[in-house]
Amino acid sequence: MQEEFVAWIKRFWKLLTAGAVIIFVIIFGLMWFAVSGIGRKNTQTLTTQSLSATTTQENSEVTLQPRDLDGVLVDPSATHLSNFAVMIDNHPEAKPQAGLAEASLVYEIPVEGGLTRFMAIFDASSTAVQIGPVRSARLYFEELARGLGSVYAHVGGSPEALEKAKNWKNFKDLNEFYNGSSFWRSKIKAAPHNVFTKIDLLKDVEEKKSWETGQFVSWKYTTDIVPTSTQMIPIPVITYPAELPITWIYDASIGLYQRKDGKTIKKDLEGNIIHAANVIVLETTGQVVDDYGRLTIRTTGKGSVTLYRQGKKMHGVWKRVDGEHLRFETIEGTDLLLQPGPTWIQVVLPGMVSTSTSQSI
């Protein structure tokens, strides 16, 4: 039996040797594969790629939301930022003003002498590098800024306005008289029309004073934006006593209104044309309160309002409770829907809206 086994070995030794070599190579290869970690690396790479793909898919599914101040769709993290209300001069020597074209919301309201003044409101995401000329406070502007929880930037103010600002709890009053580093005096204009500020300075002082972001109930906005190409309803000419007649012309090609002061297209200091997605004519009452000619203007209660957007005209009612933001409703009592984008509110007293209109750009 032993002789037969030896004979078998001698007969198949070449095949047995080759098989042994193959088995050795396989075992060595498996050991090297395990020690080198290639399998783990490939698994890790696939896992990383899968996570990356999942993250990308999740990011692409983030739903944009309307920003509180103007309804523009932004990342949800940017919907509730601080806002800054800046008093802007509208005296002839102050024109053209800086930053108006970048504001999310602008109020134009009469002041003494038949002139008007602007309160331009900027979201904290704004990058405006020059805003002004900055002028003094009036109580009715303060009331509207307070309703927005704004940082209210101004240079001095009427006695009534300054007194109220001191007594309102949590009112973020930024008076240049006591916060000079947040403003600068420009050489391009003569005093008192030469004070300017910018968003970065306003944000810096807000942080230094640890002011909290103001809260307010945002207006409602429509997502049904269909540019009007026919039957555009013109906005009546607005005539403040000592200002050039104001007309707003709807440009259907961009779905926005363009402002003209007299016959001149209004631009800011940087040369940007003033546009608005919504022009709101707000009717209220007021009267002269002192020998200087300063006014008191009602900002609470309710009154008539007319909204112009997308070349259309909508009548409604404005309402405001002291300390709160303005509300706009239809005659039936539902929310008056605005178009996302900049809004200009023309506050008028009786007799300041003409029956004449203009549509020539």
Protein backbone atom coordinates (compact mmCIF):
# COMPACT_ATOMS: atom_id res chain seq x y z
CA MET A 1 0.00 0.00 0.00
CA GLN A 2 2.85 2.27 0.85
CA GLU A 3 4.55 1.48 -2.44
CA GLU A 4 1.34 2.37 -4.33
CA PHE A 5 1.06 5.74 -2.48
CA VAL A 6 4.70 6.59 -3.29
CA ALA A 7 4.09 5.68 -6.92
CA TRP A 8 0.99 7.95 -6.97
CA ILE A 9 3.00 10.85 -5.51
CA LYS A 10 5.70 10.41 -8.11
CA ARG A 11 3.09 10.31 -10.85
CA PHE A 12 1.17 13.53 -9.80
CA TRP A 13 3.89 15.54 -7.99
CA LYS A 14 3.89 18.30 -10.58
CA LEU A 15 0.13 18.87 -10.20
CA LEU A 16 0.37 18.77 -6.41
CA THR A 17 3.22 21.30 -6.41
CA ALA A 18 1.26 23.68 -8.66
CA GLY A 19 -1.83 23.40 -6.43
CA ALA A 20 0.17 24.17 -3.32
CA VAL A 21 1.63 27.27 -4.96
CA ILE A 22 -1.85 28.47 -5.95
CA ILE A 23 -3.19 27.95 -2.42
CA PHE A 24 -0.21 29.84 -0.93
CA VAL A 25 -0.77 32.77 -3.28
CA ILE A 26 -4.45 32.97 -2.39
CA ILE A 27 -3.76 32.88 1.35
CA PHE A 28 -1.01 35.54 1.06
CA GLY A 29 -3.31 37.78 -1.01
CA LEU A 30 -6.12 37.58 1.52
CA MET A 31 -3.77 38.42 4.38
CA TRP A 32 -2.34 41.47 2.53
CA PHE A 33 -5.84 42.71 1.63
CA ALA A 34 -6.90 42.53 5.27
CA VAL A 35 -3.80 44.24 6.64
CA SER A 36 -3.71 47.05 4.03
CA GLY A 37 -7.29 48.18 4.81
CA ILE A 38 -8.28 48.63 1.15
CA GLY A 39 -11.65 47.07 1.84
CA ARG A 40 -12.29 49.46 4.68
CA LYS A 41 -11.21 52.45 2.56
CA ASN A 42 -13.54 51.52 -0.26
CA THR A 43 -16.40 51.03 2.18
CA GLN A 44 -15.62 54.35 3.84
CA THR A 45 -15.48 56.12 0.46
CA LEU A 46 -18.84 54.71 -0.55
CA THR A 47 -20.34 55.68 2.80
CA THR A 48 -18.96 59.24 2.51
CA GLN A 49 -20.29 59.56 -1.01
CA SER A 50 -23.70 58.33 0.11
CA LEU A 51 -23.81 60.83 2.99
CA SER A 52 -22.70 63.63 0.68
CA ALA A 53 -25.41 62.76 -1.82
CA THR A 54 -28.00 62.65 0.95
CA THR A 55 -26.86 66.02 2.32
CA THR A 56 -26.95 67.59 -1.14
CA GLN A 57 -30.44 66.24 -1.68
CA GLU A 58 -31.59 67.61 1.68
CA ASN A 59 -30.10 71.05 0.93
CA SER A 60 -31.78 71.17 -2.45
CA GLU A 61 -35.11 70.57 -0.73
CA VAL A 62 -34.84 73.60 1.62
CA THR A 63 -38.02 75.63 1.16
CA LEU A 64 -37.46 79.37 0.86
CA GLN A 65 -39.71 81.54 3.02
CA PRO A 66 -40.89 85.17 2.76
CA ARG A 67 -38.76 87.72 4.58
CA ASP A 68 -40.70 89.60 7.25
CA LEU A 69 -39.89 93.07 5.99
CA ASP A 70 -40.67 92.75 2.26
CA GLY A 71 -41.92 89.23 1.46
CA VAL A 72 -38.89 88.37 -0.69
CA LEU A 73 -38.18 84.62 -0.59
CA VAL A 74 -34.99 83.85 1.36
CA ASP A 75 -33.41 81.03 3.31
CA PRO A 76 -35.46 80.40 6.48
CA SER A 77 -32.52 81.55 8.61
CA ALA A 78 -32.79 85.06 7.10
CA THR A 79 -36.51 85.72 7.51
CA HIS A 80 -36.44 87.30 11.00
CA LEU A 81 -33.41 89.61 10.99
CA SER A 82 -33.11 93.02 12.62
CA ASN A 83 -34.19 96.09 10.69
CA PHE A 84 -32.92 99.66 10.70
CA ALA A 85 -35.10 102.74 10.17
CA VAL A 86 -33.16 105.80 9.02
CA MET A 87 -34.58 109.33 8.83
CA ILE A 88 -33.64 110.74 5.41
CA ASP A 89 -33.74 114.39 4.40
CA ASN A 90 -35.86 115.45 1.40
CA HIS A 91 -34.89 119.12 1.31
CA PRO A 92 -33.83 120.29 -2.20
CA GLU A 93 -30.24 120.67 -0.95
CA ALA A 94 -30.23 117.06 0.25
CA LYS A 95 -31.01 115.55 -3.15
CA PRO A 96 -30.08 113.09 -4.49
CA GLN A 97 -30.20 110.94 -1.38
CA ALA A 98 -28.09 107.85 -0.78
CA GLY A 99 -29.44 104.36 -0.19
CA LEU A 100 -33.11 104.89 -1.03
CA ALA A 101 -33.04 102.38 -3.88
CA GLU A 102 -31.79 99.69 -1.50
CA ALA A 103 -34.46 100.08 1.19
CA SER A 104 -37.07 97.36 1.68
CA LEU A 105 -39.67 99.84 2.93
CA VAL A 106 -39.92 103.63 2.69
CA TYR A 107 -42.41 105.96 4.38
CA GLU A 108 -42.77 109.47 2.94
CA ILE A 109 -44.62 111.77 5.34
CA PRO A 110 -45.11 115.55 5.51
CA VAL A 111 -43.05 117.64 7.93
CA GLU A 112 -43.01 121.38 8.58
CA GLY A 113 -42.78 123.90 5.75
CA GLY A 114 -44.71 121.77 3.28
CA LEU A 115 -41.71 119.46 2.78
CA THR A 116 -41.62 115.72 3.33
CA ARG A 117 -39.12 113.41 4.93
CA PHE A 118 -38.37 109.75 4.29
CA MET A 119 -37.98 106.94 6.77
CA ALA A 120 -36.11 104.23 4.89
CA ILE A 121 -36.08 100.79 6.48
CA PHE A 122 -33.37 98.25 5.72
CA ASP A 123 -33.16 94.57 6.55
CA ALA A 124 -29.95 93.47 8.31
CA SER A 125 -28.99 91.54 5.16
CA SER A 126 -28.64 94.84 3.29
CA THR A 127 -25.16 95.92 2.20
CA ALA A 128 -25.91 99.64 1.81
CA VAL A 129 -22.60 101.49 2.23
CA GLN A 130 -24.07 104.99 2.34
CA ILE A 131 -27.46 106.15 3.66
CA GLY A 132 -28.55 109.75 4.04
CA PRO A 133 -28.48 112.63 4.53
CA VAL A 134 -29.77 111.66 7.96
CA ARG A 135 -32.09 114.20 9.60
CA SER A 136 -34.02 114.73 12.80
CA ALA A 137 -36.79 112.66 14.39
CA ARG A 138 -40.49 113.35 14.43
CA LEU A 139 -42.90 111.56 16.76
CA TYR A 140 -45.04 109.96 14.05
CA PHE A 141 -41.99 108.45 12.36
CA GLU A 142 -40.86 107.12 15.74
CA GLU A 143 -44.24 105.51 16.30
CA LEU A 144 -44.02 103.60 13.02
CA ALA A 145 -40.42 102.54 13.68
CA ARG A 146 -41.38 101.35 17.14
CA GLY A 147 -44.09 99.15 15.61
CA LEU A 148 -41.40 97.41 13.56
CA GLY A 149 -38.98 97.01 16.45
CA SER A 150 -36.48 99.02 14.39
CA VAL A 151 -33.18 100.53 15.36
CA TYR A 152 -34.20 104.16 14.74
CA ALA A 153 -31.35 106.32 13.40
CA HIS A 154 -31.65 110.13 13.36
CA VAL A 155 -29.88 113.41 14.16
CA GLY A 156 -31.67 115.11 17.04
CA GLY A 157 -35.40 115.69 16.78
CA SER A 158 -38.44 117.65 17.88
CA PRO A 159 -38.87 118.08 21.67
CA GLU A 160 -41.89 115.78 21.61
CA ALA A 161 -40.03 113.05 19.72
CA LEU A 162 -36.97 113.18 21.96
CA GLU A 163 -39.07 113.01 25.12
CA LYS A 164 -41.10 110.02 23.91
CA ALA A 165 -37.96 108.14 22.86
CA LYS A 166 -36.65 108.36 26.42
CA ASN A 167 -39.83 106.99 27.96
CA TRP A 168 -40.61 104.07 25.64
CA LYS A 169 -39.40 100.78 27.07
CA ASN A 170 -37.05 98.85 24.75
CA PHE A 171 -37.17 101.53 22.05
CA LYS A 172 -33.86 101.32 20.15
CA ASP A 173 -33.14 105.00 19.75
CA LEU A 174 -29.93 105.84 17.86
CA ASN A 175 -29.44 109.59 18.07
CA GLU A 176 -26.31 110.90 16.34
CA PHE A 177 -25.87 113.43 19.16
CA TYR A 178 -24.86 110.59 21.51
CA ASN A 179 -23.62 108.00 19.00
CA GLY A 180 -21.34 109.97 16.72
CA SER A 181 -19.23 106.96 15.74
CA SER A 182 -22.25 105.47 13.95
CA PHE A 183 -22.40 108.41 11.53
CA TRP A 184 -20.06 110.67 9.57
CA ARG A 185 -20.14 114.16 8.09
CA SER A 186 -19.65 114.21 4.34
CA LYS A 187 -17.88 116.96 2.40
CA ILE A 188 -20.09 116.50 -0.67
CA LYS A 189 -23.01 118.35 0.92
CA ALA A 190 -23.35 121.38 3.19
CA ALA A 191 -24.63 121.16 6.77
CA PRO A 192 -27.18 120.25 7.96
CA HIS A 193 -27.62 118.00 4.92
CA ASN A 194 -24.32 116.16 5.29
CA VAL A 195 -24.76 113.40 7.89
CA PHE A 196 -24.55 109.83 6.60
CA THR A 197 -24.46 106.30 7.96
CA LYS A 198 -24.23 102.75 6.61
CA ILE A 199 -25.56 99.31 7.49
CA ASP A 200 -22.30 98.02 8.97
CA LEU A 201 -22.16 100.90 11.47
CA LEU A 202 -25.79 100.38 12.44
CA LYS A 203 -25.24 96.66 12.97
CA ASP A 204 -22.12 97.35 15.04
CA VAL A 205 -23.92 99.66 17.45
CA GLU A 206 -26.84 97.23 17.74
CA GLU A 207 -24.38 94.51 18.78
CA LYS A 208 -22.52 96.77 21.23
CA LYS A 209 -25.76 97.82 22.92
CA SER A 210 -27.02 94.20 22.96
CA TRP A 211 -30.30 95.21 21.37
CA GLU A 212 -32.54 92.27 20.60
CA THR A 213 -34.14 91.70 17.20
CA GLY A 214 -37.53 93.40 17.06
CA GLN A 215 -40.69 91.37 16.50
CA PHE A 216 -43.67 92.41 14.41
CA VAL A 217 -46.50 90.84 12.43
CA SER A 218 -45.49 90.80 8.78
CA TRP A 219 -47.77 91.82 5.95
CA LYS A 220 -49.23 89.17 3.67
CA TYR A 221 -47.84 88.66 0.17
CA THR A 222 -49.23 87.10 -2.98
CA THR A 223 -47.37 84.44 -4.93
CA ASP A 224 -49.58 84.99 -7.98
CA ILE A 225 -47.37 87.47 -9.81
CA VAL A 226 -48.67 88.03 -13.33
CA PRO A 227 -47.25 91.16 -15.03
CA THR A 228 -49.97 93.39 -16.42
CA SER A 229 -49.59 94.33 -20.08
CA THR A 230 -52.96 96.02 -20.64
CA GLN A 231 -55.37 98.22 -18.70
CA MET A 232 -52.80 99.54 -16.26
CA ILE A 233 -54.46 101.75 -13.66
CA PRO A 234 -52.45 104.95 -13.15
CA ILE A 235 -51.57 106.30 -9.72
CA PRO A 236 -52.89 109.82 -9.05
CA VAL A 237 -50.32 112.59 -8.77
CA ILE A 238 -49.34 113.23 -5.16
CA THR A 239 -48.83 116.91 -4.33
CA TYR A 240 -47.10 117.76 -1.09
CA PRO A 241 -47.17 121.57 -0.74
CA ALA A 242 -43.46 122.36 -1.08
CA GLU A 243 -42.39 119.33 -3.14
CA LEU A 244 -42.44 118.61 -6.85
CA PRO A 245 -45.50 116.60 -7.95
CA ILE A 246 -44.86 112.88 -7.46
CA THR A 247 -45.89 110.32 -10.04
CA TRP A 248 -45.38 106.58 -10.04
CA ILE A 249 -45.32 104.91 -13.46
CA TYR A 250 -45.83 101.17 -13.86
CA ASP A 251 -43.26 99.42 -16.03
CA ALA A 252 -44.81 96.12 -17.13
CA SER A 253 -41.49 94.86 -18.51
CA ILE A 254 -40.10 94.51 -14.99
CA GLY A 255 -43.33 94.47 -12.98
CA LEU A 256 -42.31 97.48 -10.87
CA TYR A 257 -43.26 101.14 -10.46
CA GLN A 258 -40.80 103.90 -11.26
CA ARG A 259 -40.88 107.23 -9.45
CA LYS A 260 -40.71 110.69 -10.99
CA ASP A 261 -40.34 113.96 -9.09
CA GLY A 262 -41.85 116.52 -11.41
CA LYS A 263 -40.58 115.52 -14.86
CA THR A 264 -37.40 113.89 -13.56
CA ILE A 265 -36.90 110.19 -12.97
CA LYS A 266 -35.87 109.91 -9.34
CA LYS A 267 -32.48 108.31 -8.73
CA ASP A 268 -30.37 107.96 -5.62
CA LEU A 269 -26.88 109.33 -5.12
CA GLU A 270 -25.40 106.19 -6.68
CA GLY A 271 -27.49 106.68 -9.83
CA ASN A 272 -29.94 103.86 -9.12
CA ILE A 273 -33.53 104.42 -10.26
CA ILE A 274 -36.09 104.34 -7.46
CA HIS A 275 -38.47 101.40 -7.98
CA ALA A 276 -41.29 99.94 -5.91
CA ALA A 277 -43.23 96.69 -6.14
CA ASN A 278 -46.03 98.28 -4.12
CA VAL A 279 -47.07 101.92 -3.82
CA ILE A 280 -49.49 102.54 -0.97
CA VAL A 281 -51.35 105.83 -0.58
CA LEU A 282 -52.31 106.09 3.09
CA GLU A 283 -54.81 108.77 4.05
CA THR A 284 -54.79 110.21 7.56
CA THR A 285 -55.21 113.47 9.48
CA GLY A 286 -52.83 115.93 11.07
CA GLN A 287 -52.34 119.49 12.22
CA VAL A 288 -49.70 122.08 13.07
CA VAL A 289 -48.71 121.93 16.75
CA ASP A 290 -46.17 124.73 17.34
CA ASP A 291 -44.87 128.07 16.09
CA TYR A 292 -42.09 126.29 14.19
CA GLY A 293 -44.74 124.64 12.03
CA ARG A 294 -44.16 121.08 13.24
CA LEU A 295 -47.01 118.66 12.66
CA THR A 296 -48.78 115.96 14.55
CA ILE A 297 -49.94 113.14 12.27
CA ARG A 298 -52.23 110.31 13.32
CA THR A 299 -50.71 106.83 12.99
CA THR A 300 -53.20 104.85 15.09
CA GLY A 301 -56.84 103.91 14.58
CA LYS A 302 -57.83 103.34 10.98
CA GLY A 303 -58.31 105.09 7.67
CA SER A 304 -58.52 104.63 3.92
CA VAL A 305 -55.65 103.14 1.95
CA THR A 306 -55.13 102.42 -1.74
CA LEU A 307 -52.67 99.77 -2.88
CA TYR A 308 -51.14 99.86 -6.34
CA ARG A 309 -49.35 96.72 -7.50
CA GLN A 310 -48.89 94.94 -10.85
CA GLY A 311 -50.60 97.85 -12.60
CA LYS A 312 -53.73 97.28 -10.55
CA LYS A 313 -55.57 99.31 -7.92
CA MET A 314 -57.04 97.94 -4.70
CA HIS A 315 -58.98 99.90 -2.07
CA GLY A 316 -58.64 98.96 1.56
CA VAL A 317 -58.31 100.04 5.16
CA TRP A 318 -55.21 100.64 7.26
CA LYS A 319 -55.32 99.85 10.96
CA ARG A 320 -52.80 100.31 13.70
CA VAL A 321 -52.74 99.84 17.46
CA ASP A 322 -50.18 101.84 19.44
CA GLY A 323 -46.87 99.97 19.57
CA GLU A 324 -47.71 97.65 16.68
CA HIS A 325 -46.96 97.47 12.96
CA LEU A 326 -49.47 98.77 10.40
CA ARG A 327 -52.04 96.32 9.04
CA PHE A 328 -53.70 96.50 5.64
CA GLU A 329 -57.10 94.93 4.98
CA THR A 330 -59.56 94.78 2.12
CA ILE A 331 -62.95 96.44 2.48
CA GLU A 332 -64.30 92.97 3.34
CA GLY A 333 -61.80 92.59 6.19
CA THR A 334 -59.30 90.11 4.73
CA ASP A 335 -55.57 90.77 4.38
CA LEU A 336 -54.62 93.07 1.53
CA LEU A 337 -51.97 91.11 -0.37
CA LEU A 338 -48.75 92.83 -1.43
CA GLN A 339 -46.23 91.86 -4.07
CA PRO A 340 -42.86 90.73 -2.68
CA GLY A 341 -40.31 93.51 -3.01
CA PRO A 342 -39.80 97.13 -1.95
CA THR A 343 -42.85 99.06 -0.73
CA TRP A 344 -43.27 102.86 -0.69
CA ILE A 345 -45.96 104.30 1.56
CA GLN A 346 -47.10 107.80 0.65
CA VAL A 347 -48.77 109.23 3.76
CA VAL A 348 -51.11 112.03 2.69
CA LEU A 349 -53.34 114.55 4.41
CA PRO A 350 -56.59 115.81 2.85
CA GLY A 351 -56.01 117.61 -0.46
CA MET A 352 -52.60 116.08 -1.22
CA VAL A 353 -53.80 113.61 -3.87
CA SER A 354 -54.63 115.08 -7.28
CA THR A 355 -57.23 113.71 -9.66
CA SER A 356 -54.77 114.04 -12.56
CA THR A 357 -52.53 111.16 -13.60
CA SER A 358 -49.58 110.55 -15.87
CA GLN A 359 -48.41 107.41 -17.66
CA SER A 360 -45.46 108.63 -19.71
CA ILE A 361 -42.12 107.12 -18.74
